């Protein structure tokens, strides 16, 4: 298989494995990676928390929308979205124009284990515990599920297992 004639858009809560999965897909299928948060931070010459503080969330979400529009001229690119990107309806519309949207999920316990030592997660300030994570996940669940073409759970799976399942499910969609 020589790659995909569309983009794979990874969405999901922080700590569900979006970055890890994009790296694996990139090496396995020679896909380009666009880590949306990294691209935005680099262009703005500020960290994501700094952008939020200086300009507010709305400004940041507009940058995400703009970047998703840009991505429509690409293919065989894996786009790793920030945790909030799929919460905005117009972002989801842009994702689907030239991509398959894959929702990665994990239990709040798994997410906590993966993010507990990370800084730079503005939305987890004051709630970096399983209860806080669960609460935020529940707020987002409906939006995430509505956006997704396929859902892959990452609990207790290796990145290889996650990616094999993801690719298999994408191929089944094509049939």
C-alpha atoms as a PDB file:
ATOM      1  CA  UNK A   1       0.000   0.000   0.000  1.00  0.00           C
ATOM      2  CA  UNK A   2       1.481   3.317  -1.047  1.00  0.00           C
ATOM      3  CA  UNK A   3      -0.226   5.707   1.307  1.00  0.00           C
ATOM      4  CA  UNK A   4      -3.623   7.345   1.306  1.00  0.00           C
ATOM      5  CA  UNK A   5      -5.223   9.654  -1.241  1.00  0.00           C
ATOM      6  CA  UNK A   6      -6.812  11.577   1.614  1.00  0.00           C
ATOM      7  CA  UNK A   7      -5.654  12.828   5.019  1.00  0.00           C
ATOM      8  CA  UNK A   8      -6.081  10.999   8.303  1.00  0.00           C
ATOM      9  CA  UNK A   9      -7.285  13.417  10.960  1.00  0.00           C
ATOM     10  CA  UNK A  10      -6.691  12.267  14.526  1.00  0.00           C
ATOM     11  CA  UNK A  11      -8.948  13.710  17.190  1.00  0.00           C
ATOM     12  CA  UNK A  12      -9.486  12.896  20.822  1.00  0.00           C
ATOM     13  CA  UNK A  13      -8.738  13.926  24.338  1.00  0.00           C
ATOM     14  CA  UNK A  14      -5.163  14.766  25.355  1.00  0.00           C
ATOM     15  CA  UNK A  15      -3.240  11.634  26.256  1.00  0.00           C
ATOM     16  CA  UNK A  16      -5.182   9.273  23.997  1.00  0.00           C
ATOM     17  CA  UNK A  17      -2.112   8.771  21.783  1.00  0.00           C
ATOM     18  CA  UNK A  18      -2.577  11.161  18.848  1.00  0.00           C
ATOM     19  CA  UNK A  19       1.103  12.139  18.608  1.00  0.00           C
ATOM     20  CA  UNK A  20       2.374   8.583  19.081  1.00  0.00           C
ATOM     21  CA  UNK A  21      -0.029   7.231  16.472  1.00  0.00           C
ATOM     22  CA  UNK A  22       0.841   9.969  13.958  1.00  0.00           C
ATOM     23  CA  UNK A  23       4.539   9.195  14.281  1.00  0.00           C
ATOM     24  CA  UNK A  24       3.913   5.502  13.668  1.00  0.00           C
ATOM     25  CA  UNK A  25       1.640   6.117  10.657  1.00  0.00           C
ATOM     26  CA  UNK A  26       4.151   8.571   9.281  1.00  0.00           C
ATOM     27  CA  UNK A  27       7.012   6.082   9.347  1.00  0.00           C
ATOM     28  CA  UNK A  28       4.889   3.134   8.209  1.00  0.00           C
ATOM     29  CA  UNK A  29       3.171   4.834   5.238  1.00  0.00           C
ATOM     30  CA  UNK A  30       5.591   7.685   4.497  1.00  0.00           C
ATOM     31  CA  UNK A  31       2.916  10.171   5.523  1.00  0.00           C
ATOM     32  CA  UNK A  32       3.632  13.770   6.378  1.00  0.00           C
ATOM     33  CA  UNK A  33       2.688  14.799   9.920  1.00  0.00           C
ATOM     34  CA  UNK A  34       1.011  18.035  10.838  1.00  0.00           C
ATOM     35  CA  UNK A  35       0.836  18.481  14.608  1.00  0.00           C
ATOM     36  CA  UNK A  36      -1.631  21.346  14.628  1.00  0.00           C
ATOM     37  CA  UNK A  37      -0.640  22.754  18.028  1.00  0.00           C
ATOM     38  CA  UNK A  38       3.049  22.744  17.080  1.00  0.00           C
ATOM     39  CA  UNK A  39       2.436  24.435  13.729  1.00  0.00           C
ATOM     40  CA  UNK A  40       0.275  27.120  15.330  1.00  0.00           C
ATOM     41  CA  UNK A  41       2.755  27.733  18.165  1.00  0.00           C
ATOM     42  CA  UNK A  42       5.617  28.047  15.679  1.00  0.00           C
ATOM     43  CA  UNK A  43       3.737  30.480  13.434  1.00  0.00           C
ATOM     44  CA  UNK A  44       2.594  32.614  16.368  1.00  0.00           C
ATOM     45  CA  UNK A  45       6.021  32.363  18.044  1.00  0.00           C
ATOM     46  CA  UNK A  46       4.217  31.567  21.324  1.00  0.00           C
ATOM     47  CA  UNK A  47       3.294  28.466  23.272  1.00  0.00           C
ATOM     48  CA  UNK A  48      -0.361  27.375  23.264  1.00  0.00           C
ATOM     49  CA  UNK A  49      -0.869  28.539  26.880  1.00  0.00           C
ATOM     50  CA  UNK A  50       0.633  31.922  25.900  1.00  0.00           C
ATOM     51  CA  UNK A  51      -1.716  32.226  22.893  1.00  0.00           C
ATOM     52  CA  UNK A  52      -4.702  31.457  25.152  1.00  0.00           C
ATOM     53  CA  UNK A  53      -3.522  34.029  27.698  1.00  0.00           C
ATOM     54  CA  UNK A  54      -2.710  36.761  25.174  1.00  0.00           C
ATOM     55  CA  UNK A  55      -5.558  36.377  22.676  1.00  0.00           C
ATOM     56  CA  UNK A  56      -8.152  34.030  24.163  1.00  0.00           C
ATOM     57  CA  UNK A  57      -9.520  30.670  23.076  1.00  0.00           C
ATOM     58  CA  UNK A  58     -11.622  32.027  20.214  1.00  0.00           C
ATOM     59  CA  UNK A  59      -8.522  33.437  18.474  1.00  0.00           C
ATOM     60  CA  UNK A  60      -6.757  30.101  18.856  1.00  0.00           C
ATOM     61  CA  UNK A  61      -9.753  28.171  17.451  1.00  0.00           C
ATOM     62  CA  UNK A  62      -9.762  30.505  14.425  1.00  0.00           C
ATOM     63  CA  UNK A  63      -6.123  29.614  13.791  1.00  0.00           C
ATOM     64  CA  UNK A  64      -7.080  25.915  13.924  1.00  0.00           C
ATOM     65  CA  UNK A  65      -9.863  26.444  11.400  1.00  0.00           C
ATOM     66  CA  UNK A  66      -7.495  28.277   9.048  1.00  0.00           C
ATOM     67  CA  UNK A  67      -4.932  25.504   9.257  1.00  0.00           C
ATOM     68  CA  UNK A  68      -7.551  22.822   8.533  1.00  0.00           C
ATOM     69  CA  UNK A  69      -8.633  24.742   5.430  1.00  0.00           C
ATOM     70  CA  UNK A  70      -4.993  24.845   4.291  1.00  0.00           C
ATOM     71  CA  UNK A  71      -4.715  21.075   4.689  1.00  0.00           C
ATOM     72  CA  UNK A  72      -7.315  20.394   2.010  1.00  0.00           C
ATOM     73  CA  UNK A  73      -4.764  20.705  -0.747  1.00  0.00           C
ATOM     74  CA  UNK A  74      -2.761  17.873   0.838  1.00  0.00           C
ATOM     75  CA  UNK A  75      -3.142  14.129   0.852  1.00  0.00           C
ATOM     76  CA  UNK A  76      -1.397  11.274   2.642  1.00  0.00           C
ATOM     77  CA  UNK A  77      -0.930  13.601   5.604  1.00  0.00           C
ATOM     78  CA  UNK A  78      -1.710  12.653   9.163  1.00  0.00           C
ATOM     79  CA  UNK A  79      -3.140  15.648  10.988  1.00  0.00           C
ATOM     80  CA  UNK A  80      -2.960  15.471  14.756  1.00  0.00           C
ATOM     81  CA  UNK A  81      -5.513  17.891  16.187  1.00  0.00           C
ATOM     82  CA  UNK A  82      -5.405  19.645  19.509  1.00  0.00           C
ATOM     83  CA  UNK A  83      -7.929  18.251  21.976  1.00  0.00           C
ATOM     84  CA  UNK A  84     -10.454  21.030  21.339  1.00  0.00           C
ATOM     85  CA  UNK A  85     -10.342  21.235  17.535  1.00  0.00           C
ATOM     86  CA  UNK A  86     -13.268  18.867  16.964  1.00  0.00           C
ATOM     87  CA  UNK A  87     -15.504  20.788  19.373  1.00  0.00           C
ATOM     88  CA  UNK A  88     -16.083  23.443  16.749  1.00  0.00           C
ATOM     89  CA  UNK A  89     -18.577  22.472  14.060  1.00  0.00           C
ATOM     90  CA  UNK A  90     -16.843  24.370  11.248  1.00  0.00           C
ATOM     91  CA  UNK A  91     -13.569  22.610  12.044  1.00  0.00           C
ATOM     92  CA  UNK A  92     -15.227  19.226  11.654  1.00  0.00           C
ATOM     93  CA  UNK A  93     -16.671  20.287   8.288  1.00  0.00           C
ATOM     94  CA  UNK A  94     -13.138  21.203   7.149  1.00  0.00           C
ATOM     95  CA  UNK A  95     -11.648  17.956   8.484  1.00  0.00           C
ATOM     96  CA  UNK A  96     -14.095  15.844   6.506  1.00  0.00           C
ATOM     97  CA  UNK A  97     -13.633  17.651   3.190  1.00  0.00           C
ATOM     98  CA  UNK A  98     -10.431  15.797   2.471  1.00  0.00           C
ATOM     99  CA  UNK A  99      -9.929  13.483   5.392  1.00  0.00           C
ATOM    100  CA  UNK A 100     -11.140  10.563   7.437  1.00  0.00           C
ATOM    101  CA  UNK A 101     -11.623  11.521  11.063  1.00  0.00           C
ATOM    102  CA  UNK A 102     -10.321   8.979  13.567  1.00  0.00           C
ATOM    103  CA  UNK A 103     -11.276   9.367  17.222  1.00  0.00           C
ATOM    104  CA  UNK A 104      -8.761   7.852  19.635  1.00  0.00           C
ATOM    105  CA  UNK A 105     -10.187   7.041  23.055  1.00  0.00           C
ATOM    106  CA  UNK A 106      -8.794   5.890  26.396  1.00  0.00           C
ATOM    107  CA  UNK A 107     -10.101   5.582  29.918  1.00  0.00           C
ATOM    108  CA  UNK A 108      -9.624   8.539  32.303  1.00  0.00           C
ATOM    109  CA  UNK A 109      -7.184   6.349  34.280  1.00  0.00           C
ATOM    110  CA  UNK A 110      -5.060   5.727  31.172  1.00  0.00           C
ATOM    111  CA  UNK A 111      -5.111   9.421  30.259  1.00  0.00           C
ATOM    112  CA  UNK A 112      -4.098  10.400  33.785  1.00  0.00           C
ATOM    113  CA  UNK A 113      -1.136   8.006  33.681  1.00  0.00           C
ATOM    114  CA  UNK A 114      -0.036   9.450  30.337  1.00  0.00           C
ATOM    115  CA  UNK A 115      -0.395  13.175  31.166  1.00  0.00           C
ATOM    116  CA  UNK A 116       0.323  13.378  34.890  1.00  0.00           C
ATOM    117  CA  UNK A 117       3.946  14.421  34.366  1.00  0.00           C
ATOM    118  CA  UNK A 118       3.284  16.853  31.487  1.00  0.00           C
ATOM    119  CA  UNK A 119       3.104  20.594  31.830  1.00  0.00           C
ATOM    120  CA  UNK A 120       1.638  22.939  29.250  1.00  0.00           C
ATOM    121  CA  UNK A 121      -1.890  21.520  29.343  1.00  0.00           C
ATOM    122  CA  UNK A 122      -3.899  24.697  30.086  1.00  0.00           C
ATOM    123  CA  UNK A 123      -7.224  22.855  30.303  1.00  0.00           C
ATOM    124  CA  UNK A 124      -5.972  20.521  33.036  1.00  0.00           C
ATOM    125  CA  UNK A 125      -4.959  23.287  35.403  1.00  0.00           C
ATOM    126  CA  UNK A 126      -6.533  22.496  38.741  1.00  0.00           C
ATOM    127  CA  UNK A 127      -7.996  19.191  37.599  1.00  0.00           C
ATOM    128  CA  UNK A 128      -5.098  16.923  36.896  1.00  0.00           C
ATOM    129  CA  UNK A 129      -6.775  13.907  38.447  1.00  0.00           C
ATOM    130  CA  UNK A 130      -8.958  11.071  37.205  1.00  0.00           C
ATOM    131  CA  UNK A 131     -12.203  12.807  38.259  1.00  0.00           C
ATOM    132  CA  UNK A 132     -11.262  16.073  36.537  1.00  0.00           C
ATOM    133  CA  UNK A 133     -10.252  14.262  33.374  1.00  0.00           C
ATOM    134  CA  UNK A 134     -13.454  12.212  33.356  1.00  0.00           C
ATOM    135  CA  UNK A 135     -15.542  15.355  33.750  1.00  0.00           C
ATOM    136  CA  UNK A 136     -13.840  17.077  30.817  1.00  0.00           C
ATOM    137  CA  UNK A 137     -14.077  13.907  28.706  1.00  0.00           C
ATOM    138  CA  UNK A 138     -17.800  13.641  29.365  1.00  0.00           C
ATOM    139  CA  UNK A 139     -18.306  17.258  28.274  1.00  0.00           C
ATOM    140  CA  UNK A 140     -16.638  16.460  24.966  1.00  0.00           C
ATOM    141  CA  UNK A 141     -17.783  12.913  24.275  1.00  0.00           C
ATOM    142  CA  UNK A 142     -20.840  13.722  22.127  1.00  0.00           C
ATOM    143  CA  UNK A 143     -18.948  16.186  19.945  1.00  0.00           C
ATOM    144  CA  UNK A 144     -16.043  13.819  19.473  1.00  0.00           C
ATOM    145  CA  UNK A 145     -18.277  10.891  18.567  1.00  0.00           C
ATOM    146  CA  UNK A 146     -20.348  13.001  16.161  1.00  0.00           C
ATOM    147  CA  UNK A 147     -17.180  14.097  14.341  1.00  0.00           C
ATOM    148  CA  UNK A 148     -15.603  10.643  14.056  1.00  0.00           C
ATOM    149  CA  UNK A 149     -15.677   8.373  11.016  1.00  0.00           C
ATOM    150  CA  UNK A 150     -14.127   5.608  13.114  1.00  0.00           C
ATOM    151  CA  UNK A 151     -13.325   5.206  16.813  1.00  0.00           C
ATOM    152  CA  UNK A 152     -10.295   3.288  18.081  1.00  0.00           C
ATOM    153  CA  UNK A 153      -9.751   2.642  21.777  1.00  0.00           C
ATOM    154  CA  UNK A 154      -6.086   2.775  22.844  1.00  0.00           C
ATOM    155  CA  UNK A 155      -6.307   1.305  26.369  1.00  0.00           C
ATOM    156  CA  UNK A 156      -3.727  -1.455  26.947  1.00  0.00           C
ATOM    157  CA  UNK A 157      -2.733  -1.601  23.272  1.00  0.00           C
ATOM    158  CA  UNK A 158       0.643  -1.045  21.672  1.00  0.00           C
ATOM    159  CA  UNK A 159       0.928   1.669  19.050  1.00  0.00           C
ATOM    160  CA  UNK A 160       1.302  -1.089  16.449  1.00  0.00           C
ATOM    161  CA  UNK A 161      -1.988  -2.685  17.517  1.00  0.00           C
ATOM    162  CA  UNK A 162      -3.772   0.673  17.489  1.00  0.00           C
ATOM    163  CA  UNK A 163      -2.478   1.528  14.011  1.00  0.00           C
ATOM    164  CA  UNK A 164      -3.254  -1.895  12.551  1.00  0.00           C
ATOM    165  CA  UNK A 165      -6.829  -1.618  13.782  1.00  0.00           C
ATOM    166  CA  UNK A 166      -7.095   1.951  12.499  1.00  0.00           C
ATOM    167  CA  UNK A 167      -5.841   1.070   9.001  1.00  0.00           C
ATOM    168  CA  UNK A 168      -8.022  -2.038   8.816  1.00  0.00           C
ATOM    169  CA  UNK A 169     -11.110   0.012   9.709  1.00  0.00           C
ATOM    170  CA  UNK A 170     -10.220   2.686   7.127  1.00  0.00           C
ATOM    171  CA  UNK A 171      -9.842   0.005   4.446  1.00  0.00           C
ATOM    172  CA  UNK A 172     -13.243  -1.428   5.379  1.00  0.00           C
ATOM    173  CA  UNK A 173     -14.776   2.044   4.898  1.00  0.00           C
ATOM    174  CA  UNK A 174     -13.365   2.144   1.361  1.00  0.00           C
ATOM    175  CA  UNK A 175     -15.001  -1.134   0.369  1.00  0.00           C
END
